[in-house]
N, C-alpha and C. Protein backbone atom coordinates (compact mmCIF):
# COMPACT_ATOMS: atom_id res chain seq x y z
N MET A 1 2.38 -25.50 -19.22
CA MET A 1 1.58 -24.36 -18.80
C MET A 1 0.21 -24.88 -18.36
N ALA A 2 -0.10 -24.71 -17.08
CA ALA A 2 -1.38 -25.16 -16.55
C ALA A 2 -2.46 -24.12 -16.86
N LEU A 3 -3.59 -24.62 -17.31
CA LEU A 3 -4.73 -23.73 -17.59
C LEU A 3 -5.79 -23.91 -16.53
N LEU A 4 -6.33 -22.81 -16.05
CA LEU A 4 -7.35 -22.83 -15.01
C LEU A 4 -8.70 -22.41 -15.58
N THR A 5 -9.75 -22.92 -14.99
CA THR A 5 -11.08 -22.44 -15.36
C THR A 5 -11.24 -21.04 -14.78
N VAL A 6 -12.25 -20.33 -15.24
CA VAL A 6 -12.50 -18.98 -14.73
C VAL A 6 -12.79 -19.03 -13.24
N ARG A 7 -13.54 -20.02 -12.81
CA ARG A 7 -13.88 -20.15 -11.39
C ARG A 7 -12.62 -20.40 -10.55
N GLU A 8 -11.72 -21.28 -11.02
CA GLU A 8 -10.48 -21.55 -10.29
C GLU A 8 -9.60 -20.30 -10.22
N ALA A 9 -9.48 -19.60 -11.33
CA ALA A 9 -8.67 -18.38 -11.37
C ALA A 9 -9.26 -17.30 -10.46
N ALA A 10 -10.58 -17.17 -10.45
CA ALA A 10 -11.23 -16.19 -9.59
C ALA A 10 -10.94 -16.50 -8.12
N GLY A 11 -10.96 -17.78 -7.77
CA GLY A 11 -10.64 -18.17 -6.39
C GLY A 11 -9.22 -17.80 -6.01
N ARG A 12 -8.28 -18.03 -6.90
CA ARG A 12 -6.88 -17.68 -6.62
C ARG A 12 -6.69 -16.17 -6.53
N LEU A 13 -7.43 -15.44 -7.33
CA LEU A 13 -7.31 -13.98 -7.32
C LEU A 13 -8.07 -13.32 -6.18
N GLY A 14 -9.00 -14.05 -5.58
CA GLY A 14 -9.79 -13.49 -4.50
C GLY A 14 -10.90 -12.58 -4.99
N VAL A 15 -11.39 -12.81 -6.20
CA VAL A 15 -12.49 -12.02 -6.75
C VAL A 15 -13.62 -12.98 -7.11
N GLY A 16 -14.79 -12.41 -7.39
CA GLY A 16 -15.93 -13.22 -7.77
C GLY A 16 -15.83 -13.68 -9.23
N TYR A 17 -16.54 -14.75 -9.51
CA TYR A 17 -16.58 -15.30 -10.87
C TYR A 17 -17.04 -14.26 -11.88
N SER A 18 -18.13 -13.56 -11.56
CA SER A 18 -18.66 -12.57 -12.50
C SER A 18 -17.70 -11.39 -12.69
N THR A 19 -16.97 -11.02 -11.66
CA THR A 19 -15.99 -9.94 -11.79
C THR A 19 -14.90 -10.33 -12.78
N LEU A 20 -14.39 -11.55 -12.64
CA LEU A 20 -13.34 -12.00 -13.55
C LEU A 20 -13.86 -12.12 -14.98
N LYS A 21 -15.09 -12.57 -15.14
CA LYS A 21 -15.68 -12.65 -16.48
C LYS A 21 -15.76 -11.26 -17.11
N GLN A 22 -16.13 -10.24 -16.33
CA GLN A 22 -16.17 -8.87 -16.85
C GLN A 22 -14.79 -8.40 -17.28
N TRP A 23 -13.76 -8.73 -16.49
CA TRP A 23 -12.40 -8.38 -16.86
C TRP A 23 -12.03 -9.03 -18.19
N ILE A 24 -12.45 -10.28 -18.37
CA ILE A 24 -12.16 -10.99 -19.62
C ILE A 24 -12.86 -10.31 -20.78
N TYR A 25 -14.15 -9.98 -20.62
CA TYR A 25 -14.92 -9.34 -21.69
C TYR A 25 -14.33 -7.98 -22.07
N LYS A 26 -13.76 -7.27 -21.08
CA LYS A 26 -13.18 -5.95 -21.34
C LYS A 26 -11.76 -6.04 -21.88
N GLY A 27 -11.20 -7.25 -21.97
CA GLY A 27 -9.87 -7.44 -22.52
C GLY A 27 -8.74 -7.24 -21.54
N GLY A 28 -9.03 -7.20 -20.26
CA GLY A 28 -8.00 -7.01 -19.24
C GLY A 28 -7.28 -8.27 -18.83
N VAL A 29 -7.77 -9.42 -19.29
CA VAL A 29 -7.18 -10.70 -18.91
C VAL A 29 -6.93 -11.50 -20.19
N ARG A 30 -5.71 -12.02 -20.33
CA ARG A 30 -5.37 -12.85 -21.48
C ARG A 30 -5.90 -14.26 -21.23
N THR A 31 -6.66 -14.77 -22.18
CA THR A 31 -7.26 -16.09 -22.03
C THR A 31 -7.04 -16.94 -23.27
N THR A 32 -7.37 -18.21 -23.12
CA THR A 32 -7.38 -19.17 -24.22
C THR A 32 -8.79 -19.74 -24.25
N ARG A 33 -9.29 -20.02 -25.45
CA ARG A 33 -10.64 -20.59 -25.55
C ARG A 33 -10.53 -22.06 -25.93
N THR A 34 -11.35 -22.86 -25.29
CA THR A 34 -11.40 -24.29 -25.62
C THR A 34 -12.23 -24.47 -26.88
N ALA A 35 -12.24 -25.69 -27.39
CA ALA A 35 -13.04 -26.00 -28.58
C ALA A 35 -14.52 -25.75 -28.31
N GLY A 36 -14.93 -25.90 -27.06
CA GLY A 36 -16.32 -25.68 -26.68
C GLY A 36 -16.64 -24.21 -26.40
N GLY A 37 -15.65 -23.31 -26.51
CA GLY A 37 -15.88 -21.89 -26.31
C GLY A 37 -15.68 -21.41 -24.89
N HIS A 38 -15.18 -22.27 -24.00
CA HIS A 38 -14.96 -21.88 -22.61
C HIS A 38 -13.61 -21.18 -22.46
N TYR A 39 -13.55 -20.22 -21.55
CA TYR A 39 -12.32 -19.49 -21.30
C TYR A 39 -11.43 -20.28 -20.35
N ARG A 40 -10.13 -20.24 -20.61
CA ARG A 40 -9.13 -20.81 -19.72
C ARG A 40 -8.05 -19.76 -19.51
N ILE A 41 -7.51 -19.72 -18.28
CA ILE A 41 -6.52 -18.72 -17.91
C ILE A 41 -5.27 -19.44 -17.41
N SER A 42 -4.11 -19.03 -17.90
CA SER A 42 -2.86 -19.68 -17.52
C SER A 42 -2.43 -19.24 -16.12
N ASP A 43 -1.61 -20.08 -15.48
CA ASP A 43 -1.05 -19.75 -14.17
C ASP A 43 -0.24 -18.46 -14.25
N GLU A 44 0.51 -18.28 -15.33
CA GLU A 44 1.33 -17.09 -15.49
C GLU A 44 0.46 -15.82 -15.53
N GLU A 45 -0.69 -15.91 -16.17
CA GLU A 45 -1.59 -14.75 -16.23
C GLU A 45 -2.15 -14.43 -14.85
N VAL A 46 -2.49 -15.46 -14.09
CA VAL A 46 -2.98 -15.25 -12.73
C VAL A 46 -1.88 -14.61 -11.88
N ASP A 47 -0.63 -15.09 -12.02
CA ASP A 47 0.48 -14.49 -11.28
C ASP A 47 0.69 -13.04 -11.68
N ARG A 48 0.54 -12.73 -12.95
CA ARG A 48 0.67 -11.34 -13.43
C ARG A 48 -0.40 -10.46 -12.79
N LEU A 49 -1.61 -10.96 -12.75
CA LEU A 49 -2.71 -10.18 -12.15
C LEU A 49 -2.50 -10.00 -10.65
N LEU A 50 -2.00 -11.05 -9.99
CA LEU A 50 -1.74 -10.94 -8.56
C LEU A 50 -0.65 -9.93 -8.26
N ALA A 51 0.39 -9.91 -9.08
CA ALA A 51 1.50 -8.99 -8.85
C ALA A 51 1.08 -7.54 -9.05
N GLY A 52 0.08 -7.30 -9.88
CA GLY A 52 -0.37 -5.94 -10.15
C GLY A 52 -1.35 -5.39 -9.14
N ARG A 53 -1.76 -6.21 -8.20
CA ARG A 53 -2.74 -5.77 -7.21
C ARG A 53 -2.08 -5.38 -5.91
N ALA A 54 -2.66 -4.41 -5.22
CA ALA A 54 -2.10 -3.94 -3.95
C ALA A 54 -2.31 -4.97 -2.85
N ALA A 55 -3.49 -5.51 -2.73
CA ALA A 55 -3.78 -6.50 -1.69
C ALA A 55 -5.04 -7.24 -2.07
N PRO A 56 -5.15 -8.50 -1.71
CA PRO A 56 -6.36 -9.24 -2.03
C PRO A 56 -7.54 -8.71 -1.23
N PRO A 57 -8.70 -8.63 -1.83
CA PRO A 57 -9.86 -8.15 -1.09
C PRO A 57 -10.29 -9.16 -0.03
N ALA A 58 -10.89 -8.65 1.02
CA ALA A 58 -11.39 -9.53 2.07
C ALA A 58 -12.63 -10.25 1.56
N ARG A 59 -12.60 -11.57 1.62
CA ARG A 59 -13.72 -12.36 1.14
C ARG A 59 -13.97 -13.53 2.07
N GLY A 60 -15.06 -14.18 1.83
CA GLY A 60 -15.34 -15.41 2.56
C GLY A 60 -15.82 -15.15 3.97
N ARG A 61 -15.73 -16.19 4.79
CA ARG A 61 -16.23 -16.07 6.15
C ARG A 61 -15.31 -15.20 6.99
N ARG A 62 -15.89 -14.61 8.00
CA ARG A 62 -15.13 -13.73 8.88
C ARG A 62 -14.39 -14.57 9.91
N ARG A 63 -13.28 -14.03 10.35
CA ARG A 63 -12.52 -14.70 11.40
C ARG A 63 -13.24 -14.54 12.73
N ARG A 64 -12.93 -15.43 13.63
CA ARG A 64 -13.58 -15.39 14.93
C ARG A 64 -13.25 -14.13 15.72
N SER A 65 -12.05 -13.56 15.49
CA SER A 65 -11.67 -12.38 16.25
C SER A 65 -12.57 -11.19 15.91
N GLY A 66 -13.08 -11.15 14.67
CA GLY A 66 -14.01 -10.11 14.28
C GLY A 66 -13.35 -8.78 13.96
N GLY A 67 -12.06 -8.64 14.22
CA GLY A 67 -11.39 -7.36 14.00
C GLY A 67 -10.48 -7.39 12.80
N VAL A 68 -10.13 -6.21 12.35
CA VAL A 68 -9.20 -6.05 11.25
C VAL A 68 -8.05 -5.21 11.77
N LEU A 69 -6.83 -5.64 11.51
CA LEU A 69 -5.66 -4.90 11.94
C LEU A 69 -5.59 -3.59 11.17
N VAL A 70 -5.70 -2.47 11.87
CA VAL A 70 -5.72 -1.17 11.24
C VAL A 70 -4.36 -0.49 11.33
N SER A 71 -3.72 -0.57 12.47
CA SER A 71 -2.40 0.03 12.61
C SER A 71 -1.56 -0.87 13.50
N LEU A 72 -0.27 -0.62 13.44
CA LEU A 72 0.67 -1.46 14.17
C LEU A 72 1.76 -0.56 14.72
N SER A 73 2.26 -0.89 15.90
CA SER A 73 3.25 -0.03 16.52
C SER A 73 4.64 -0.17 15.92
N GLY A 74 4.91 -1.24 15.22
CA GLY A 74 6.24 -1.47 14.66
C GLY A 74 6.61 -0.46 13.59
N ARG A 75 7.86 -0.13 13.51
CA ARG A 75 8.33 0.83 12.52
C ARG A 75 9.02 0.14 11.34
N ASN A 76 9.52 -1.05 11.56
CA ASN A 76 10.29 -1.72 10.53
C ASN A 76 9.40 -2.58 9.65
N ARG A 77 8.72 -1.94 8.73
CA ARG A 77 7.82 -2.63 7.81
C ARG A 77 8.46 -2.65 6.44
N LEU A 78 8.56 -3.82 5.85
CA LEU A 78 9.18 -3.98 4.55
C LEU A 78 8.14 -4.57 3.60
N ARG A 79 7.71 -3.78 2.62
CA ARG A 79 6.69 -4.23 1.69
C ARG A 79 7.35 -4.85 0.46
N GLY A 80 6.84 -6.01 0.05
CA GLY A 80 7.42 -6.70 -1.09
C GLY A 80 6.42 -7.63 -1.75
N VAL A 81 6.93 -8.48 -2.61
CA VAL A 81 6.11 -9.43 -3.36
C VAL A 81 6.54 -10.84 -2.99
N VAL A 82 5.59 -11.71 -2.72
CA VAL A 82 5.88 -13.09 -2.37
C VAL A 82 6.46 -13.80 -3.59
N GLU A 83 7.66 -14.33 -3.44
CA GLU A 83 8.30 -15.07 -4.53
C GLU A 83 8.08 -16.56 -4.41
N GLU A 84 8.03 -17.06 -3.17
CA GLU A 84 7.91 -18.51 -2.99
C GLU A 84 7.28 -18.80 -1.65
N VAL A 85 6.45 -19.83 -1.61
CA VAL A 85 5.88 -20.33 -0.36
C VAL A 85 6.11 -21.83 -0.35
N ARG A 86 6.84 -22.32 0.66
CA ARG A 86 7.09 -23.75 0.81
C ARG A 86 6.46 -24.22 2.10
N ARG A 87 5.66 -25.26 2.02
CA ARG A 87 5.03 -25.82 3.21
C ARG A 87 5.64 -27.19 3.50
N GLU A 88 5.97 -27.43 4.77
CA GLU A 88 6.47 -28.73 5.16
C GLU A 88 6.12 -28.96 6.61
N GLY A 89 5.29 -29.95 6.86
CA GLY A 89 4.89 -30.23 8.23
C GLY A 89 4.12 -29.07 8.83
N LEU A 90 4.51 -28.66 10.03
CA LEU A 90 3.83 -27.57 10.73
C LEU A 90 4.33 -26.20 10.33
N LEU A 91 5.46 -26.13 9.61
CA LEU A 91 6.07 -24.84 9.27
C LEU A 91 5.98 -24.55 7.78
N ALA A 92 6.19 -23.29 7.46
CA ALA A 92 6.23 -22.85 6.06
C ALA A 92 7.34 -21.81 5.93
N GLN A 93 7.95 -21.80 4.77
CA GLN A 93 9.00 -20.82 4.47
C GLN A 93 8.46 -19.89 3.41
N VAL A 94 8.51 -18.59 3.69
CA VAL A 94 8.00 -17.59 2.76
C VAL A 94 9.17 -16.70 2.34
N ARG A 95 9.38 -16.59 1.02
CA ARG A 95 10.44 -15.72 0.50
C ARG A 95 9.78 -14.50 -0.12
N LEU A 96 10.18 -13.33 0.36
CA LEU A 96 9.61 -12.05 -0.06
C LEU A 96 10.68 -11.27 -0.81
N ARG A 97 10.35 -10.75 -1.98
CA ARG A 97 11.27 -9.90 -2.74
C ARG A 97 10.95 -8.45 -2.40
N ILE A 98 11.97 -7.75 -1.88
CA ILE A 98 11.82 -6.35 -1.49
C ILE A 98 12.85 -5.57 -2.29
N GLY A 99 12.42 -4.98 -3.38
CA GLY A 99 13.36 -4.31 -4.27
C GLY A 99 14.31 -5.34 -4.87
N GLU A 100 15.59 -5.11 -4.71
CA GLU A 100 16.60 -6.04 -5.21
C GLU A 100 16.99 -7.08 -4.16
N GLN A 101 16.42 -7.01 -2.98
CA GLN A 101 16.77 -7.91 -1.88
C GLN A 101 15.69 -8.97 -1.69
N GLN A 102 16.07 -10.05 -0.99
CA GLN A 102 15.12 -11.09 -0.64
C GLN A 102 15.14 -11.29 0.86
N LEU A 103 13.97 -11.53 1.43
CA LEU A 103 13.85 -11.80 2.84
C LEU A 103 13.13 -13.13 2.98
N THR A 104 13.66 -14.02 3.81
CA THR A 104 13.03 -15.32 4.01
C THR A 104 12.54 -15.39 5.45
N ALA A 105 11.30 -15.79 5.63
CA ALA A 105 10.73 -15.93 6.97
C ALA A 105 10.19 -17.34 7.13
N VAL A 106 10.36 -17.91 8.30
CA VAL A 106 9.79 -19.20 8.63
C VAL A 106 8.66 -18.94 9.60
N ILE A 107 7.45 -19.28 9.18
CA ILE A 107 6.26 -19.07 10.00
C ILE A 107 5.46 -20.36 10.03
N THR A 108 4.41 -20.39 10.81
CA THR A 108 3.61 -21.62 10.88
C THR A 108 2.82 -21.81 9.59
N ARG A 109 2.54 -23.05 9.30
CA ARG A 109 1.76 -23.38 8.12
C ARG A 109 0.35 -22.81 8.25
N ASP A 110 -0.19 -22.82 9.46
CA ASP A 110 -1.52 -22.25 9.70
C ASP A 110 -1.55 -20.77 9.34
N ALA A 111 -0.48 -20.04 9.66
CA ALA A 111 -0.43 -18.61 9.34
C ALA A 111 -0.44 -18.40 7.83
N VAL A 112 0.31 -19.21 7.09
CA VAL A 112 0.33 -19.11 5.63
C VAL A 112 -1.06 -19.39 5.07
N ASP A 113 -1.72 -20.42 5.61
CA ASP A 113 -3.06 -20.76 5.13
C ASP A 113 -4.07 -19.65 5.46
N GLU A 114 -3.97 -19.10 6.67
CA GLU A 114 -4.90 -18.04 7.07
C GLU A 114 -4.71 -16.78 6.24
N LEU A 115 -3.45 -16.45 5.94
CA LEU A 115 -3.16 -15.27 5.13
C LEU A 115 -3.37 -15.52 3.64
N ARG A 116 -3.54 -16.78 3.28
CA ARG A 116 -3.70 -17.19 1.88
C ARG A 116 -2.56 -16.64 1.02
N LEU A 117 -1.34 -16.82 1.52
CA LEU A 117 -0.18 -16.32 0.80
C LEU A 117 0.06 -17.14 -0.46
N ARG A 118 0.24 -16.46 -1.56
CA ARG A 118 0.51 -17.10 -2.85
C ARG A 118 1.57 -16.29 -3.57
N ARG A 119 2.26 -16.95 -4.44
CA ARG A 119 3.29 -16.31 -5.25
C ARG A 119 2.69 -15.15 -6.04
N GLY A 120 3.39 -14.02 -6.03
CA GLY A 120 2.93 -12.85 -6.79
C GLY A 120 2.14 -11.85 -5.97
N GLN A 121 1.68 -12.23 -4.79
CA GLN A 121 0.92 -11.31 -3.96
C GLN A 121 1.84 -10.34 -3.25
N GLU A 122 1.34 -9.15 -2.98
CA GLU A 122 2.08 -8.21 -2.15
C GLU A 122 1.87 -8.59 -0.70
N ALA A 123 2.93 -8.45 0.09
CA ALA A 123 2.85 -8.74 1.52
C ALA A 123 3.82 -7.81 2.23
N THR A 124 3.65 -7.68 3.52
CA THR A 124 4.51 -6.83 4.32
C THR A 124 5.18 -7.66 5.39
N ALA A 125 6.50 -7.55 5.46
CA ALA A 125 7.26 -8.19 6.54
C ALA A 125 7.41 -7.15 7.64
N ILE A 126 7.13 -7.56 8.85
CA ILE A 126 7.26 -6.67 9.99
C ILE A 126 8.37 -7.23 10.86
N VAL A 127 9.43 -6.46 11.02
CA VAL A 127 10.61 -6.92 11.71
C VAL A 127 10.61 -6.36 13.12
N LYS A 128 10.68 -7.24 14.09
CA LYS A 128 10.79 -6.81 15.48
C LYS A 128 12.10 -7.39 16.00
N ALA A 129 12.98 -6.53 16.40
CA ALA A 129 14.28 -6.99 16.86
C ALA A 129 14.67 -6.29 18.14
N THR A 130 15.22 -7.04 19.07
CA THR A 130 15.74 -6.44 20.29
C THR A 130 17.26 -6.41 20.24
N GLU A 131 17.84 -7.10 19.27
CA GLU A 131 19.28 -7.10 19.09
C GLU A 131 19.59 -6.86 17.63
N VAL A 132 20.66 -6.16 17.39
CA VAL A 132 21.11 -5.92 16.02
C VAL A 132 22.56 -6.36 15.94
N MET A 133 22.88 -7.12 14.94
CA MET A 133 24.27 -7.54 14.72
C MET A 133 24.82 -6.77 13.54
N ILE A 134 26.07 -6.35 13.66
CA ILE A 134 26.73 -5.63 12.58
C ILE A 134 28.00 -6.37 12.25
N GLY A 135 28.28 -6.53 10.97
CA GLY A 135 29.49 -7.23 10.56
C GLY A 135 30.17 -6.48 9.44
N ARG A 136 31.39 -6.86 9.17
CA ARG A 136 32.12 -6.32 8.03
C ARG A 136 33.03 -7.41 7.52
N GLU A 137 33.46 -7.27 6.30
CA GLU A 137 34.37 -8.24 5.73
C GLU A 137 35.74 -8.07 6.34
N ASP A 138 36.43 -9.18 6.56
CA ASP A 138 37.75 -9.15 7.14
C ASP A 138 38.77 -8.82 6.06
N THR A 139 39.54 -7.74 6.27
CA THR A 139 40.56 -7.35 5.30
C THR A 139 41.95 -7.78 5.75
N VAL A 140 42.02 -8.44 6.93
CA VAL A 140 43.30 -8.90 7.46
C VAL A 140 43.65 -10.21 6.78
N PRO A 141 44.89 -10.38 6.28
CA PRO A 141 45.27 -11.67 5.70
C PRO A 141 45.12 -12.79 6.71
N ASP A 142 44.91 -14.00 6.25
CA ASP A 142 44.67 -15.15 7.13
C ASP A 142 45.77 -15.35 8.16
N SER A 143 47.02 -15.06 7.84
CA SER A 143 48.11 -15.26 8.79
C SER A 143 47.98 -14.32 9.99
N ASP A 144 47.44 -13.13 9.78
CA ASP A 144 47.26 -12.17 10.87
C ASP A 144 45.95 -12.37 11.61
N ALA A 145 45.02 -13.11 11.02
CA ALA A 145 43.69 -13.29 11.62
C ALA A 145 43.77 -13.99 12.96
N VAL A 146 44.81 -14.79 13.19
CA VAL A 146 44.97 -15.51 14.45
C VAL A 146 45.16 -14.52 15.59
N HIS A 147 45.82 -13.40 15.32
CA HIS A 147 46.12 -12.42 16.36
C HIS A 147 45.03 -11.37 16.53
N ALA A 148 44.03 -11.38 15.66
CA ALA A 148 42.97 -10.38 15.74
C ALA A 148 42.08 -10.65 16.94
N LYS A 149 41.63 -9.58 17.59
CA LYS A 149 40.73 -9.73 18.73
C LYS A 149 39.30 -9.68 18.26
N PRO A 150 38.42 -10.52 18.82
CA PRO A 150 37.01 -10.47 18.43
C PRO A 150 36.36 -9.19 18.92
N ALA A 151 35.31 -8.77 18.23
CA ALA A 151 34.58 -7.57 18.61
C ALA A 151 34.04 -7.72 20.02
N GLY A 152 34.19 -6.67 20.81
CA GLY A 152 33.66 -6.69 22.17
C GLY A 152 34.61 -7.32 23.18
N SER A 153 35.81 -7.72 22.75
CA SER A 153 36.74 -8.34 23.69
C SER A 153 37.34 -7.27 24.59
N ASP A 154 37.95 -7.70 25.67
CA ASP A 154 38.56 -6.77 26.62
C ASP A 154 39.72 -6.07 25.94
N LEU A 155 39.73 -4.74 25.97
CA LEU A 155 40.76 -3.98 25.28
C LEU A 155 41.79 -3.41 26.25
N SER A 156 41.76 -3.86 27.52
CA SER A 156 42.72 -3.32 28.47
C SER A 156 44.13 -3.72 28.04
N GLY A 157 45.03 -2.76 28.08
CA GLY A 157 46.41 -3.02 27.69
C GLY A 157 46.58 -3.09 26.19
N SER A 158 45.59 -2.67 25.45
CA SER A 158 45.68 -2.73 24.00
C SER A 158 46.22 -1.42 23.47
N ASP A 159 46.35 -1.36 22.20
CA ASP A 159 46.84 -0.17 21.51
C ASP A 159 45.93 1.02 21.79
N PRO A 160 46.46 2.22 22.06
CA PRO A 160 45.62 3.39 22.35
C PRO A 160 44.69 3.74 21.19
N SER A 161 45.04 3.36 19.98
CA SER A 161 44.17 3.69 18.85
C SER A 161 42.84 2.95 18.92
N GLU A 162 42.79 1.90 19.75
CA GLU A 162 41.54 1.14 19.91
C GLU A 162 40.69 1.67 21.05
N SER A 163 41.10 2.77 21.66
CA SER A 163 40.39 3.28 22.82
C SER A 163 39.09 3.99 22.45
N ASP A 164 38.78 4.05 21.16
CA ASP A 164 37.53 4.70 20.77
C ASP A 164 36.33 3.79 20.97
N VAL A 165 36.53 2.60 21.48
CA VAL A 165 35.42 1.69 21.76
C VAL A 165 34.75 2.17 23.03
N ALA A 166 33.47 2.48 22.95
CA ALA A 166 32.73 3.02 24.09
C ALA A 166 32.23 1.89 24.97
N GLY A 167 31.72 2.27 26.11
CA GLY A 167 31.12 1.30 27.03
C GLY A 167 29.78 0.84 26.51
N PRO A 168 28.97 0.25 27.37
CA PRO A 168 27.67 -0.25 26.93
C PRO A 168 26.76 0.87 26.43
N LEU A 169 25.94 0.56 25.46
CA LEU A 169 25.01 1.52 24.89
C LEU A 169 23.93 1.85 25.91
N ARG A 170 23.69 3.13 26.12
CA ARG A 170 22.65 3.54 27.06
C ARG A 170 21.65 4.41 26.32
N TRP A 171 20.38 4.11 26.51
CA TRP A 171 19.31 4.90 25.88
C TRP A 171 19.08 6.15 26.70
N PRO A 172 18.85 7.28 26.05
CA PRO A 172 18.57 8.51 26.82
C PRO A 172 17.25 8.38 27.56
N ARG A 173 17.23 8.92 28.76
CA ARG A 173 16.00 8.85 29.55
C ARG A 173 15.04 9.92 29.07
N ARG A 174 13.78 9.56 29.05
CA ARG A 174 12.74 10.52 28.65
C ARG A 174 12.12 11.12 29.88
N LYS A 175 11.73 12.37 29.75
CA LYS A 175 11.05 13.04 30.85
C LYS A 175 9.61 12.56 30.92
N ARG A 176 9.16 12.31 32.10
CA ARG A 176 7.77 11.88 32.26
C ARG A 176 6.88 13.10 32.22
N GLU A 177 5.76 12.95 31.55
CA GLU A 177 4.82 14.08 31.43
C GLU A 177 3.67 13.92 32.36
């Protein structure tokens, strides 16, 4: 169990040293005291505190863009908790727990560093997709699988029960205002 100083823990939590000291004095943070009377905080306690927070406060120097993302046009937002961050070379792998599911994203290492992603933090995955794949488990025995036609194959001359396959998907046209 790694023990952190109050200053190190405050940095990981994204709060000021004095704020974390006040939390300790009020009993909101579990600590260990050294022989010299200094407070130490375990990694597990920092992770617990991170998991209980909605989002890290904005601190430090401002980004060059000067703006803060207020809204986004995407609809597919999945909010979860960061379970793991792996950095290797120019890329990083981030695993997000969303309810009982896990989502893994590969993003640049610079993006992970800029977002200061750490285990236990809440984060939002934004999914943008132009294609959707749908699958199902095969219930046909292996001996019959050889004769099965792949999805989307030409159905001309096939069994009439398969005629429920429609043509290409067309989006309805919207009226211009």
